[in-house]
PDB file of N, CA and C in Angstrom:
ATOM      1  N   MET A   1     281.960  -8.450  52.121  1.00  0.00           N
ATOM      2  CA  MET A   1     281.176  -8.723  53.704  1.00  0.00           C
ATOM      3  C   MET A   1     282.040  -9.426  54.581  1.00  0.00           C
ATOM      4  N   VAL A   2     282.932 -10.484  54.051  1.00  0.00           N
ATOM      5  CA  VAL A   2     283.556 -11.407  54.501  1.00  0.00           C
ATOM      6  C   VAL A   2     285.010 -10.950  54.815  1.00  0.00           C
ATOM      7  N   LYS A   3     284.985 -10.275  54.106  1.00  0.00           N
ATOM      8  CA  LYS A   3     286.681  -9.335  54.367  1.00  0.00           C
ATOM      9  C   LYS A   3     286.877  -8.337  55.861  1.00  0.00           C
ATOM     10  N   ASP A   4     285.988  -8.022  56.066  1.00  0.00           N
ATOM     11  CA  ASP A   4     285.974  -7.294  57.877  1.00  0.00           C
ATOM     12  C   ASP A   4     285.438  -8.646  58.763  1.00  0.00           C
ATOM     13  N   LEU A   5     285.533  -9.499  58.439  1.00  0.00           N
ATOM     14  CA  LEU A   5     285.268 -10.427  59.571  1.00  0.00           C
ATOM     15  C   LEU A   5     285.636 -10.315  60.747  1.00  0.00           C
ATOM     16  N   HIS A   6     287.487 -10.348  60.382  1.00  0.00           N
ATOM     17  CA  HIS A   6     288.456 -10.026  61.722  1.00  0.00           C
ATOM     18  C   HIS A   6     288.239  -9.478  62.481  1.00  0.00           C
ATOM     19  N   THR A   7     287.386  -8.107  62.045  1.00  0.00           N
ATOM     20  CA  THR A   7     286.990  -7.252  62.995  1.00  0.00           C
ATOM     21  C   THR A   7     285.583  -7.605  63.374  1.00  0.00           C
ATOM     22  N   LEU A   8     285.018  -8.988  63.930  1.00  0.00           N
ATOM     23  CA  LEU A   8     283.994  -9.069  64.110  1.00  0.00           C
ATOM     24  C   LEU A   8     284.689 -10.020  65.392  1.00  0.00           C
ATOM     25  N   VAL A   9     285.250 -11.615  64.963  1.00  0.00           N
ATOM     26  CA  VAL A   9     285.502 -12.236  65.517  1.00  0.00           C
ATOM     27  C   VAL A   9     287.080 -12.802  65.836  1.00  0.00           C
ATOM     28  N   GLY A  10     287.814 -11.396  65.289  1.00  0.00           N
ATOM     29  CA  GLY A  10     289.124 -12.226  65.819  1.00  0.00           C
ATOM     30  C   GLY A  10     289.879 -12.724  64.161  1.00  0.00           C
ATOM     31  N   ALA A  11     291.382 -13.219  64.303  1.00  0.00           N
ATOM     32  CA  ALA A  11     291.950 -13.374  62.772  1.00  0.00           C
ATOM     33  C   ALA A  11     291.748 -14.992  62.944  1.00  0.00           C
ATOM     34  N   GLU A  12     291.829 -15.593  63.756  1.00  0.00           N
ATOM     35  CA  GLU A  12     291.678 -16.769  63.710  1.00  0.00           C
ATOM     36  C   GLU A  12     290.445 -17.734  63.209  1.00  0.00           C
ATOM     37  N   ARG A  13     289.082 -17.088  64.100  1.00  0.00           N
ATOM     38  CA  ARG A  13     287.906 -17.560  63.984  1.00  0.00           C
ATOM     39  C   ARG A  13     287.745 -16.699  62.434  1.00  0.00           C
ATOM     40  N   ALA A  14     288.170 -15.409  61.615  1.00  0.00           N
ATOM     41  CA  ALA A  14     287.540 -15.118  60.499  1.00  0.00           C
ATOM     42  C   ALA A  14     288.408 -16.065  59.386  1.00  0.00           C
ATOM     43  N   ALA A  15     289.352 -16.276  59.627  1.00  0.00           N
ATOM     44  CA  ALA A  15     289.894 -17.666  58.679  1.00  0.00           C
ATOM     45  C   ALA A  15     289.323 -18.747  58.385  1.00  0.00           C
ATOM     46  N   ASP A  16     288.507 -19.285  59.193  1.00  0.00           N
ATOM     47  CA  ASP A  16     287.779 -20.338  59.722  1.00  0.00           C
ATOM     48  C   ASP A  16     286.225 -20.024  59.016  1.00  0.00           C
ATOM     49  N   LEU A  17     285.744 -19.629  58.852  1.00  0.00           N
ATOM     50  CA  LEU A  17     284.832 -18.435  58.468  1.00  0.00           C
ATOM     51  C   LEU A  17     285.090 -18.575  56.903  1.00  0.00           C
ATOM     52  N   ARG A  18     285.511 -18.087  56.763  1.00  0.00           N
ATOM     53  CA  ARG A  18     285.851 -17.714  55.060  1.00  0.00           C
ATOM     54  C   ARG A  18     285.986 -18.635  54.264  1.00  0.00           C
ATOM     55  N   LYS A  19     287.191 -19.446  54.889  1.00  0.00           N
ATOM     56  CA  LYS A  19     287.224 -21.014  53.993  1.00  0.00           C
ATOM     57  C   LYS A  19     285.451 -21.558  54.530  1.00  0.00           C
ATOM     58  N   GLN A  20     284.870 -21.925  55.072  1.00  0.00           N
ATOM     59  CA  GLN A  20     283.630 -22.450  55.317  1.00  0.00           C
ATOM     60  C   GLN A  20     283.106 -21.403  53.832  1.00  0.00           C
ATOM     61  N   PHE A  21     282.868 -20.575  53.651  1.00  0.00           N
ATOM     62  CA  PHE A  21     282.322 -19.636  52.500  1.00  0.00           C
ATOM     63  C   PHE A  21     282.365 -19.836  51.798  1.00  0.00           C
ATOM     64  N   LYS A  22     283.622 -19.588  51.061  1.00  0.00           N
ATOM     65  CA  LYS A  22     284.235 -19.752  50.022  1.00  0.00           C
ATOM     66  C   LYS A  22     283.538 -21.361  49.387  1.00  0.00           C
ATOM     67  N   ARG A  23     283.799 -22.358  49.963  1.00  0.00           N
ATOM     68  CA  ARG A  23     283.332 -24.091  50.263  1.00  0.00           C
ATOM     69  C   ARG A  23     282.106 -23.339  49.520  1.00  0.00           C
ATOM     70  N   ALA A  24     280.866 -23.027  50.296  1.00  0.00           N
ATOM     71  CA  ALA A  24     279.618 -22.512  49.810  1.00  0.00           C
ATOM     72  C   ALA A  24     279.749 -21.720  48.320  1.00  0.00           C
ATOM     73  N   GLU A  25     280.522 -20.780  48.189  1.00  0.00           N
ATOM     74  CA  GLU A  25     280.535 -19.913  47.195  1.00  0.00           C
ATOM     75  C   GLU A  25     280.889 -20.871  46.046  1.00  0.00           C
ATOM     76  N   ASN A  26     282.167 -21.704  46.173  1.00  0.00           N
ATOM     77  CA  ASN A  26     282.072 -22.463  45.100  1.00  0.00           C
ATOM     78  C   ASN A  26     281.446 -23.537  44.849  1.00  0.00           C
ATOM     79  N   PHE A  27     280.931 -24.215  45.699  1.00  0.00           N
ATOM     80  CA  PHE A  27     279.932 -25.228  44.862  1.00  0.00           C
ATOM     81  C   PHE A  27     278.520 -24.407  44.610  1.00  0.00           C
ATOM     82  N   PHE A  28     277.915 -23.577  45.195  1.00  0.00           N
ATOM     83  CA  PHE A  28     276.490 -22.862  43.949  1.00  0.00           C
ATOM     84  C   PHE A  28     277.678 -22.279  42.786  1.00  0.00           C
ATOM     85  N   LYS A  29     278.519 -21.377  42.774  1.00  0.00           N
ATOM     86  CA  LYS A  29     279.043 -21.126  41.260  1.00  0.00           C
ATOM     87  C   LYS A  29     279.180 -22.570  39.998  1.00  0.00           C
ATOM     88  N   HIS A  30     279.634 -23.706  40.673  1.00  0.00           N
ATOM     89  CA  HIS A  30     280.045 -24.737  39.831  1.00  0.00           C
ATOM     90  C   HIS A  30     278.822 -25.747  40.097  1.00  0.00           C
ATOM     91  N   ALA A  31     277.525 -25.294  40.283  1.00  0.00           N
ATOM     92  CA  ALA A  31     276.923 -26.300  40.785  1.00  0.00           C
ATOM     93  C   ALA A  31     276.642 -26.920  39.118  1.00  0.00           C
ATOM     94  N   ASP A  32     276.374 -26.191  38.296  1.00  0.00           N
ATOM     95  CA  ASP A  32     275.471 -26.064  36.951  1.00  0.00           C
ATOM     96  C   ASP A  32     276.481 -27.621  36.423  1.00  0.00           C
ATOM     97  N   THR A  33     277.661 -27.735  36.600  1.00  0.00           N
ATOM     98  CA  THR A  33     278.839 -28.554  36.025  1.00  0.00           C
ATOM     99  C   THR A  33     279.025 -29.605  36.988  1.00  0.00           C
ATOM    100  N   ASP A  34     278.576 -29.477  38.146  1.00  0.00           N
ATOM    101  CA  ASP A  34     278.312 -30.971  38.783  1.00  0.00           C
ATOM    102  C   ASP A  34     277.193 -31.190  39.713  1.00  0.00           C
ATOM    103  N   PRO A  35     276.365 -31.408  38.969  1.00  0.00           N
ATOM    104  CA  PRO A  35     275.042 -31.418  39.304  1.00  0.00           C
ATOM    105  C   PRO A  35     274.783 -32.918  40.591  1.00  0.00           C
ATOM    106  N   GLU A  36     275.851 -33.695  40.589  1.00  0.00           N
ATOM    107  CA  GLU A  36     275.589 -34.733  41.682  1.00  0.00           C
ATOM    108  C   GLU A  36     276.640 -33.938  42.819  1.00  0.00           C
ATOM    109  N   GLY A  37     277.145 -33.332  43.012  1.00  0.00           N
ATOM    110  CA  GLY A  37     278.003 -32.337  43.925  1.00  0.00           C
ATOM    111  C   GLY A  37     276.860 -32.270  45.389  1.00  0.00           C
ATOM    112  N   GLU A  38     277.758 -32.100  46.534  1.00  0.00           N
ATOM    113  CA  GLU A  38     276.606 -31.960  48.121  1.00  0.00           C
ATOM    114  C   GLU A  38     277.706 -30.862  48.451  1.00  0.00           C
ATOM    115  N   ILE A  39     276.982 -30.137  49.780  1.00  0.00           N
ATOM    116  CA  ILE A  39     277.314 -29.353  50.181  1.00  0.00           C
ATOM    117  C   ILE A  39     276.647 -29.240  51.811  1.00  0.00           C
ATOM    118  N   GLU A  40     277.660 -29.677  52.640  1.00  0.00           N
ATOM    119  CA  GLU A  40     276.809 -29.653  54.601  1.00  0.00           C
ATOM    120  C   GLU A  40     275.854 -28.741  54.416  1.00  0.00           C
ATOM    121  N   PHE A  41     275.095 -28.551  55.066  1.00  0.00           N
ATOM    122  CA  PHE A  41     274.137 -27.155  55.580  1.00  0.00           C
ATOM    123  C   PHE A  41     274.568 -27.420  57.030  1.00  0.00           C
ATOM    124  N   ASN A  42     275.195 -26.126  57.434  1.00  0.00           N
ATOM    125  CA  ASN A  42     275.357 -25.814  58.937  1.00  0.00           C
ATOM    126  C   ASN A  42     274.569 -24.783  59.241  1.00  0.00           C
ATOM    127  N   PRO A  43     273.364 -24.770  60.018  1.00  0.00           N
ATOM    128  CA  PRO A  43     272.402 -23.843  60.602  1.00  0.00           C
ATOM    129  C   PRO A  43     273.297 -23.194  61.522  1.00  0.00           C
ATOM    130  N   ILE A  44     274.322 -23.828  62.309  1.00  0.00           N
ATOM    131  CA  ILE A  44     274.666 -22.580  63.320  1.00  0.00           C
ATOM    132  C   ILE A  44     275.603 -21.371  63.021  1.00  0.00           C
ATOM    133  N   GLU A  45     275.937 -21.453  61.482  1.00  0.00           N
ATOM    134  CA  GLU A  45     276.681 -20.666  61.030  1.00  0.00           C
ATOM    135  C   GLU A  45     275.589 -19.856  60.244  1.00  0.00           C
ATOM    136  N   THR A  46     274.491 -20.072  60.305  1.00  0.00           N
ATOM    137  CA  THR A  46     273.947 -19.119  59.518  1.00  0.00           C
ATOM    138  C   THR A  46     273.420 -17.604  59.742  1.00  0.00           C
ATOM    139  N   PRO A  47     273.299 -17.146  61.259  1.00  0.00           N
ATOM    140  CA  PRO A  47     273.022 -16.105  61.789  1.00  0.00           C
ATOM    141  C   PRO A  47     273.983 -14.986  61.524  1.00  0.00           C
ATOM    142  N   LEU A  48     275.646 -15.179  61.136  1.00  0.00           N
ATOM    143  CA  LEU A  48     276.701 -14.419  60.813  1.00  0.00           C
ATOM    144  C   LEU A  48     276.195 -13.638  59.473  1.00  0.00           C
ATOM    145  N   PRO A  49     276.400 -14.758  58.789  1.00  0.00           N
ATOM    146  CA  PRO A  49     275.902 -13.689  57.195  1.00  0.00           C
ATOM    147  C   PRO A  49     274.668 -12.936  57.321  1.00  0.00           C
ATOM    148  N   LEU A  50     273.897 -13.232  58.019  1.00  0.00           N
ATOM    149  CA  LEU A  50     272.613 -12.498  58.676  1.00  0.00           C
ATOM    150  C   LEU A  50     273.025 -11.125  59.131  1.00  0.00           C
ATOM    151  N   PHE A  51     273.882 -11.066  60.345  1.00  0.00           N
ATOM    152  CA  PHE A  51     274.073 -10.121  61.039  1.00  0.00           C
ATOM    153  C   PHE A  51     275.161  -9.451  59.535  1.00  0.00           C
ATOM    154  N   GLU A  52     276.091  -9.552  58.737  1.00  0.00           N
ATOM    155  CA  GLU A  52     276.759  -9.257  58.468  1.00  0.00           C
ATOM    156  C   GLU A  52     275.480  -8.435  57.134  1.00  0.00           C
ATOM    157  N   ALA A  53     274.883  -8.931  56.413  1.00  0.00           N
ATOM    158  CA  ALA A  53     273.548  -8.732  55.566  1.00  0.00           C
ATOM    159  C   ALA A  53     273.225  -7.612  56.083  1.00  0.00           C
ATOM    160  N   ILE A  54     272.504  -7.111  57.791  1.00  0.00           N
ATOM    161  CA  ILE A  54     272.089  -6.290  58.641  1.00  0.00           C
ATOM    162  C   ILE A  54     273.096  -5.041  58.637  1.00  0.00           C
ATOM    163  N   LEU A  55     274.353  -5.173  58.689  1.00  0.00           N
ATOM    164  CA  LEU A  55     275.076  -4.632  58.538  1.00  0.00           C
ATOM    165  C   LEU A  55     275.600  -3.886  57.756  1.00  0.00           C
ATOM    166  N   LYS A  56     274.948  -3.840  56.400  1.00  0.00           N
ATOM    167  CA  LYS A  56     275.090  -3.896  55.028  1.00  0.00           C
ATOM    168  C   LYS A  56     274.111  -2.495  54.711  1.00  0.00           C
ATOM    169  N   TYR A  57     272.950  -3.283  55.122  1.00  0.00           N
ATOM    170  CA  TYR A  57     271.978  -2.468  54.896  1.00  0.00           C
ATOM    171  C   TYR A  57     271.739  -1.376  55.619  1.00  0.00           C
ATOM    172  N   VAL A  58     272.358  -1.001  57.322  1.00  0.00           N
ATOM    173  CA  VAL A  58     272.138   0.057  57.584  1.00  0.00           C
ATOM    174  C   VAL A  58     273.082   1.387  57.071  1.00  0.00           C
ATOM    175  N   GLU A  59     274.154   0.117  56.760  1.00  0.00           N
ATOM    176  CA  GLU A  59     275.546   1.311  55.797  1.00  0.00           C
ATOM    177  C   GLU A  59     274.842   2.106  54.824  1.00  0.00           C
ATOM    178  N   PHE A  60     274.242   1.070  54.061  1.00  0.00           N
ATOM    179  CA  PHE A  60     273.145   1.691  52.530  1.00  0.00           C
ATOM    180  C   PHE A  60     272.173   2.734  52.454  1.00  0.00           C
ATOM    181  N   THR A  61     271.323   1.982  53.498  1.00  0.00           N
ATOM    182  CA  THR A  61     270.442   2.801  53.773  1.00  0.00           C
ATOM    183  C   THR A  61     270.244   3.697  54.664  1.00  0.00           C
ATOM    184  N   GLY A  62     271.328   3.682  55.749  1.00  0.00           N
ATOM    185  CA  GLY A  62     270.795   4.673  56.896  1.00  0.00           C
ATOM    186  C   GLY A  62     269.836   4.649  57.645  1.00  0.00           C
ATOM    187  N   GLU A  63     268.836   3.211  57.339  1.00  0.00           N
ATOM    188  CA  GLU A  63     267.777   3.230  57.966  1.00  0.00           C
ATOM    189  C   GLU A  63     268.533   2.145  59.638  1.00  0.00           C
ATOM    190  N   LYS A  64     267.898   2.280  60.585  1.00  0.00           N
ATOM    191  CA  LYS A  64     267.635   0.869  61.013  1.00  0.00           C
ATOM    192  C   LYS A  64     266.519   0.422  61.769  1.00  0.00           C
ATOM    193  N   PRO A  65     265.854  -0.603  61.374  1.00  0.00           N
ATOM    194  CA  PRO A  65     264.923  -1.200  61.732  1.00  0.00           C
ATOM    195  C   PRO A  65     265.046  -1.958  63.062  1.00  0.00           C
ATOM    196  N   PRO A  66     264.017  -2.172  63.505  1.00  0.00           N
ATOM    197  CA  PRO A  66     263.288  -2.262  65.220  1.00  0.00           C
ATOM    198  C   PRO A  66     264.333  -3.789  65.102  1.00  0.00           C
ATOM    199  N   GLU A  67     263.818  -4.519  63.853  1.00  0.00           N
ATOM    200  CA  GLU A  67     263.518  -6.087  63.689  1.00  0.00           C
ATOM    201  C   GLU A  67     264.996  -6.434  63.523  1.00  0.00           C
ATOM    202  N   LEU A  68     265.757  -5.422  62.955  1.00  0.00           N
ATOM    203  CA  LEU A  68     267.185  -5.557  62.587  1.00  0.00           C
ATOM    204  C   LEU A  68     267.910  -5.777  63.689  1.00  0.00           C
ATOM    205  N   MET A  69     267.889  -3.972  64.222  1.00  0.00           N
ATOM    206  CA  MET A  69     268.522  -3.619  65.418  1.00  0.00           C
ATOM    207  C   MET A  69     268.743  -4.869  66.158  1.00  0.00           C
ATOM    208  N   ALA A  70     267.260  -5.567  66.695  1.00  0.00           N
ATOM    209  CA  ALA A  70     267.153  -6.750  67.604  1.00  0.00           C
ATOM    210  C   ALA A  70     267.809  -7.663  67.222  1.00  0.00           C
ATOM    211  N   PHE A  71     267.536  -8.052  66.053  1.00  0.00           N
ATOM    212  CA  PHE A  71     268.572  -9.437  65.733  1.00  0.00           C
ATOM    213  C   PHE A  71     270.199  -9.315  65.703  1.00  0.00           C
ATOM    214  N   ALA A  72     270.517  -8.012  65.197  1.00  0.00           N
ATOM    215  CA  ALA A  72     271.932  -7.758  65.557  1.00  0.00           C
ATOM    216  C   ALA A  72     272.441  -7.700  66.741  1.00  0.00           C
ATOM    217  N   ILE A  73     271.747  -7.300  68.013  1.00  0.00           N
ATOM    218  CA  ILE A  73     272.298  -7.109  69.397  1.00  0.00           C
ATOM    219  C   ILE A  73     271.875  -8.260  69.792  1.00  0.00           C
ATOM    220  N   TRP A  74     270.935  -9.494  69.301  1.00  0.00           N
ATOM    221  CA  TRP A  74     270.983 -10.487  70.006  1.00  0.00           C
ATOM    222  C   TRP A  74     271.935 -11.648  69.405  1.00  0.00           C
ATOM    223  N   PHE A  75     272.556 -11.278  68.243  1.00  0.00           N
ATOM    224  CA  PHE A  75     273.536 -12.027  67.436  1.00  0.00           C
ATOM    225  C   PHE A  75     275.117 -11.455  68.385  1.00  0.00           C
ATOM    226  N   LEU A  76     275.074 -10.857  68.771  1.00  0.00           N
ATOM    227  CA  LEU A  76     276.058  -9.727  69.423  1.00  0.00           C
ATOM    228  C   LEU A  76     276.736 -11.032  70.885  1.00  0.00           C
ATOM    229  N   LEU A  77     275.157 -10.736  71.416  1.00  0.00           N
ATOM    230  CA  LEU A  77     275.287 -10.920  72.428  1.00  0.00           C
ATOM    231  C   LEU A  77     275.359 -12.871  72.611  1.00  0.00           C
ATOM    232  N   GLU A  78     274.661 -13.535  71.975  1.00  0.00           N
ATOM    233  CA  GLU A  78     274.838 -14.488  71.330  1.00  0.00           C
ATOM    234  C   GLU A  78     276.146 -15.291  71.088  1.00  0.00           C
ATOM    235  N   ASN A  79     277.315 -14.281  70.476  1.00  0.00           N
ATOM    236  CA  ASN A  79     278.673 -14.815  70.357  1.00  0.00           C
ATOM    237  C   ASN A  79     279.365 -14.276  71.023  1.00  0.00           C
ATOM    238  N   LYS A  80     279.075 -13.768  71.962  1.00  0.00           N
ATOM    239  CA  LYS A  80     280.464 -12.649  72.765  1.00  0.00           C
ATOM    240  C   LYS A  80     281.429 -13.178  73.530  1.00  0.00           C
ATOM    241  N   ASP A  81     281.695 -14.778  72.685  1.00  0.00           N
ATOM    242  CA  ASP A  81     283.286 -14.816  73.602  1.00  0.00           C
ATOM    243  C   ASP A  81     283.835 -15.658  72.186  1.00  0.00           C
ATOM    244  N   SER A  82     283.079 -15.192  70.908  1.00  0.00           N
ATOM    245  CA  SER A  82     284.317 -15.074  70.071  1.00  0.00           C
ATOM    246  C   SER A  82     284.323 -13.610  69.215  1.00  0.00           C
ATOM    247  N   LEU A  83     283.814 -12.502  69.611  1.00  0.00           N
ATOM    248  CA  LEU A  83     283.925 -11.229  69.392  1.00  0.00           C
ATOM    249  C   LEU A  83     285.500 -10.742  69.884  1.00  0.00           C
ATOM    250  N   SER A  84     286.083 -10.141  69.294  1.00  0.00           N
ATOM    251  CA  SER A  84     288.335  -9.572  69.692  1.00  0.00           C
ATOM    252  C   SER A  84     287.001  -8.127  70.820  1.00  0.00           C
ATOM    253  N   LYS A  85     287.427  -8.645  72.079  1.00  0.00           N
ATOM    254  CA  LYS A  85     286.820  -8.347  73.027  1.00  0.00           C
ATOM    255  C   LYS A  85     287.050  -6.378  72.764  1.00  0.00           C
ATOM    256  N   ASP A  86     288.377  -5.981  72.066  1.00  0.00           N
ATOM    257  CA  ASP A  86     289.117  -4.620  71.536  1.00  0.00           C
ATOM    258  C   ASP A  86     287.977  -4.254  70.736  1.00  0.00           C
ATOM    259  N   SER A  87     287.023  -4.910  70.046  1.00  0.00           N
ATOM    260  CA  SER A  87     286.073  -4.139  69.153  1.00  0.00           C
ATOM    261  C   SER A  87     285.179  -3.449  69.370  1.00  0.00           C
ATOM    262  N   PRO A  88     284.516  -2.392  68.213  1.00  0.00           N
ATOM    263  CA  PRO A  88     283.648  -1.730  69.242  1.00  0.00           C
ATOM    264  C   PRO A  88     282.480  -2.524  69.585  1.00  0.00           C
ATOM    265  N   TYR A  89     281.840  -3.760  68.814  1.00  0.00           N
ATOM    266  CA  TYR A  89     281.048  -5.073  69.027  1.00  0.00           C
ATOM    267  C   TYR A  89     281.306  -5.663  70.253  1.00  0.00           C
ATOM    268  N   GLY A  90     282.657  -5.517  70.913  1.00  0.00           N
ATOM    269  CA  GLY A  90     283.191  -6.119  72.140  1.00  0.00           C
ATOM    270  C   GLY A  90     282.597  -5.887  73.155  1.00  0.00           C
ATOM    271  N   ILE A  91     282.995  -4.112  72.550  1.00  0.00           N
ATOM    272  CA  ILE A  91     282.804  -3.412  74.008  1.00  0.00           C
ATOM    273  C   ILE A  91     281.308  -3.245  74.271  1.00  0.00           C
ATOM    274  N   MET A  92     280.562  -2.663  72.791  1.00  0.00           N
ATOM    275  CA  MET A  92     279.115  -3.095  73.423  1.00  0.00           C
ATOM    276  C   MET A  92     278.271  -3.725  74.193  1.00  0.00           C
ATOM    277  N   VAL A  93     278.960  -5.624  73.888  1.00  0.00           N
ATOM    278  CA  VAL A  93     278.560  -6.101  74.189  1.00  0.00           C
ATOM    279  C   VAL A  93     278.766  -6.176  76.015  1.00  0.00           C
ATOM    280  N   GLU A  94     279.701  -6.068  76.119  1.00  0.00           N
ATOM    281  CA  GLU A  94     280.293  -5.274  77.734  1.00  0.00           C
ATOM    282  C   GLU A  94     279.118  -4.698  78.411  1.00  0.00           C
ATOM    283  N   ARG A  95     278.444  -3.428  77.473  1.00  0.00           N
ATOM    284  CA  ARG A  95     277.825  -2.946  77.804  1.00  0.00           C
ATOM    285  C   ARG A  95     276.205  -3.464  77.928  1.00  0.00           C
ATOM    286  N   LEU A  96     276.758  -3.989  76.723  1.00  0.00           N
ATOM    287  CA  LEU A  96     274.901  -4.146  77.255  1.00  0.00           C
ATOM    288  C   LEU A  96     274.701  -5.889  78.348  1.00  0.00           C
ATOM    289  N   LEU A  97     275.160  -6.356  78.445  1.00  0.00           N
ATOM    290  CA  LEU A  97     275.464  -7.136  79.143  1.00  0.00           C
ATOM    291  C   LEU A  97     275.266  -7.002  80.654  1.00  0.00           C
ATOM    292  N   ALA A  98     275.231  -5.807  81.126  1.00  0.00           N
ATOM    293  CA  ALA A  98     275.636  -5.429  82.107  1.00  0.00           C
ATOM    294  C   ALA A  98     273.577  -4.639  82.910  1.00  0.00           C
ATOM    295  N   THR A  99     273.272  -4.813  81.219  1.00  0.00           N
ATOM    296  CA  THR A  99     271.668  -4.450  81.769  1.00  0.00           C
ATOM    297  C   THR A  99     270.895  -5.639  82.127  1.00  0.00           C
ATOM    298  N   ASN A 100     271.627  -6.934  82.231  1.00  0.00           N
ATOM    299  CA  ASN A 100     271.415  -7.922  82.294  1.00  0.00           C
ATOM    300  C   ASN A 100     269.738  -8.684  81.392  1.00  0.00           C
ATOM    301  N   PRO A 101     270.625  -8.871  79.937  1.00  0.00           N
ATOM    302  CA  PRO A 101     269.701  -8.951  79.576  1.00  0.00           C
ATOM    303  C   PRO A 101     268.314 -10.152  79.265  1.00  0.00           C
ATOM    304  N   SER A 102     267.152 -10.744  78.720  1.00  0.00           N
ATOM    305  CA  SER A 102     267.037 -11.823  79.107  1.00  0.00           C
ATOM    306  C   SER A 102     267.027 -13.014  78.143  1.00  0.00           C
ATOM    307  N   ARG A 103     267.434 -14.096  79.232  1.00  0.00           N
ATOM    308  CA  ARG A 103     268.217 -15.204  78.120  1.00  0.00           C
ATOM    309  C   ARG A 103     267.391 -16.162  77.730  1.00  0.00           C
ATOM    310  N   THR A 104     265.984 -16.129  77.180  1.00  0.00           N
ATOM    311  CA  THR A 104     265.124 -16.750  76.381  1.00  0.00           C
ATOM    312  C   THR A 104     265.548 -15.863  74.870  1.00  0.00           C
ATOM    313  N   ARG A 105     265.483 -16.868  74.256  1.00  0.00           N
ATOM    314  CA  ARG A 105     265.449 -15.679  72.512  1.00  0.00           C
ATOM    315  C   ARG A 105     263.943 -14.699  72.554  1.00  0.00           C
ATOM    316  N   ALA A 106     262.439 -15.477  72.996  1.00  0.00           N
ATOM    317  CA  ALA A 106     261.700 -14.700  72.581  1.00  0.00           C
ATOM    318  C   ALA A 106     261.432 -13.864  73.533  1.00  0.00           C
ATOM    319  N   ALA A 107     261.645 -13.855  75.142  1.00  0.00           N
ATOM    320  CA  ALA A 107     261.679 -13.020  76.033  1.00  0.00           C
ATOM    321  C   ALA A 107     262.787 -11.780  75.329  1.00  0.00           C
ATOM    322  N   PHE A 108     263.826 -12.234  75.221  1.00  0.00           N
ATOM    323  CA  PHE A 108     264.491 -10.671  74.095  1.00  0.00           C
ATOM    324  C   PHE A 108     264.410 -10.428  73.292  1.00  0.00           C
ATOM    325  N   PHE A 109     263.859 -10.938  72.310  1.00  0.00           N
ATOM    326  CA  PHE A 109     263.251 -10.124  71.150  1.00  0.00           C
ATOM    327  C   PHE A 109     262.368  -9.006  71.575  1.00  0.00           C
ATOM    328  N   ARG A 110     261.116  -9.738  72.457  1.00  0.00           N
ATOM    329  CA  ARG A 110     259.689  -8.760  72.927  1.00  0.00           C
ATOM    330  C   ARG A 110     260.300  -7.977  73.841  1.00  0.00           C
ATOM    331  N   GLU A 111     261.664  -7.967  74.049  1.00  0.00           N
ATOM    332  CA  GLU A 111     262.055  -6.808  75.375  1.00  0.00           C
ATOM    333  C   GLU A 111     262.616  -5.426  74.111  1.00  0.00           C
ATOM    334  N   ALA A 112     263.777  -6.344  73.583  1.00  0.00           N
ATOM    335  CA  ALA A 112     264.222  -5.615  72.713  1.00  0.00           C
ATOM    336  C   ALA A 112     263.787  -4.786  71.856  1.00  0.00           C
ATOM    337  N   LEU A 113     262.501  -5.472  71.498  1.00  0.00           N
ATOM    338  CA  LEU A 113     261.860  -4.437  69.767  1.00  0.00           C
ATOM    339  C   LEU A 113     261.238  -3.709  70.848  1.00  0.00           C
ATOM    340  N   GLU A 114     260.663  -3.385  71.575  1.00  0.00           N
ATOM    341  CA  GLU A 114     259.737  -2.434  72.745  1.00  0.00           C
ATOM    342  C   GLU A 114     260.818  -1.613  73.182  1.00  0.00           C
ATOM    343  N   PHE A 115     261.839  -2.038  73.654  1.00  0.00           N
ATOM    344  CA  PHE A 115     263.070  -1.031  73.735  1.00  0.00           C
ATOM    345  C   PHE A 115     263.213  -0.468  72.594  1.00  0.00           C
ATOM    346  N   LEU A 116     263.281  -0.917  71.352  1.00  0.00           N
ATOM    347  CA  LEU A 116     264.264   0.012  70.522  1.00  0.00           C
ATOM    348  C   LEU A 116     262.723   0.581  69.622  1.00  0.00           C
ATOM    349  N   GLY A 117     261.338   0.445  70.292  1.00  0.00           N
ATOM    350  CA  GLY A 117     260.094   1.597  69.597  1.00  0.00           C
ATOM    351  C   GLY A 117     259.533   0.423  68.524  1.00  0.00           C
ATOM    352  N   GLY A 118     259.566  -0.610  68.209  1.00  0.00           N
ATOM    353  CA  GLY A 118     258.768  -2.155  67.731  1.00  0.00           C
ATOM    354  C   GLY A 118     258.139  -2.852  68.141  1.00  0.00           C
ATOM    355  N   SER A 119     256.895  -2.200  68.927  1.00  0.00           N
ATOM    356  CA  SER A 119     256.850  -3.250  69.719  1.00  0.00           C
ATOM    357  C   SER A 119     255.997  -4.464  69.017  1.00  0.00           C
ATOM    358  N   PRO A 120     256.034  -5.606  69.511  1.00  0.00           N
ATOM    359  CA  PRO A 120     255.368  -6.653  68.183  1.00  0.00           C
ATOM    360  C   PRO A 120     253.616  -6.393  68.289  1.00  0.00           C
ATOM    361  N   GLY A 121     253.089  -5.838  69.232  1.00  0.00           N
ATOM    362  CA  GLY A 121     252.004  -5.968  69.076  1.00  0.00           C
ATOM    363  C   GLY A 121     251.497  -4.867  68.330  1.00  0.00           C
ATOM    364  N   GLU A 122     252.295  -3.660  67.855  1.00  0.00           N
ATOM    365  CA  GLU A 122     251.810  -2.846  67.152  1.00  0.00           C
ATOM    366  C   GLU A 122     251.609  -3.735  65.455  1.00  0.00           C
ATOM    367  N   ARG A 123     252.545  -4.969  65.309  1.00  0.00           N
ATOM    368  CA  ARG A 123     252.653  -5.367  63.868  1.00  0.00           C
ATOM    369  C   ARG A 123     251.136  -6.533  63.924  1.00  0.00           C
ATOM    370  N   GLY A 124     251.075  -6.639  64.706  1.00  0.00           N
ATOM    371  CA  GLY A 124     249.812  -7.549  64.903  1.00  0.00           C
ATOM    372  C   GLY A 124     250.301  -9.319  65.084  1.00  0.00           C
ATOM    373  N   ALA A 125     251.273  -9.171  65.876  1.00  0.00           N
ATOM    374  CA  ALA A 125     252.127 -10.279  66.408  1.00  0.00           C
ATOM    375  C   ALA A 125     251.520 -11.027  67.258  1.00  0.00           C
TER     376      ALA A 125
END
């Protein structure tokens, strides 16, 4: 998944993120030989691997569950400044911004799920 990062966030940001992912990968890979090792968890970087996982899920299954699509759209909007403007995602974000989406996360997800056909009320939420 990380090999395509440059198409999402531009070359410089992609290189930085790859280094971070590699550090985490090496930490877990060698955890059995370095039980005292530590890694700093940065929750700010968590949405990117989730977004990538969603892209792979859609690619592998052909399915687009409303909850996953709502997260993907939210991720793109939240990271609009990091996106390559001429990428398909950058172009999509510009179109989405023209619709004036809700700025609070809860309101955005509520509206996105309703729009995508997965109203939270249908699931007992």
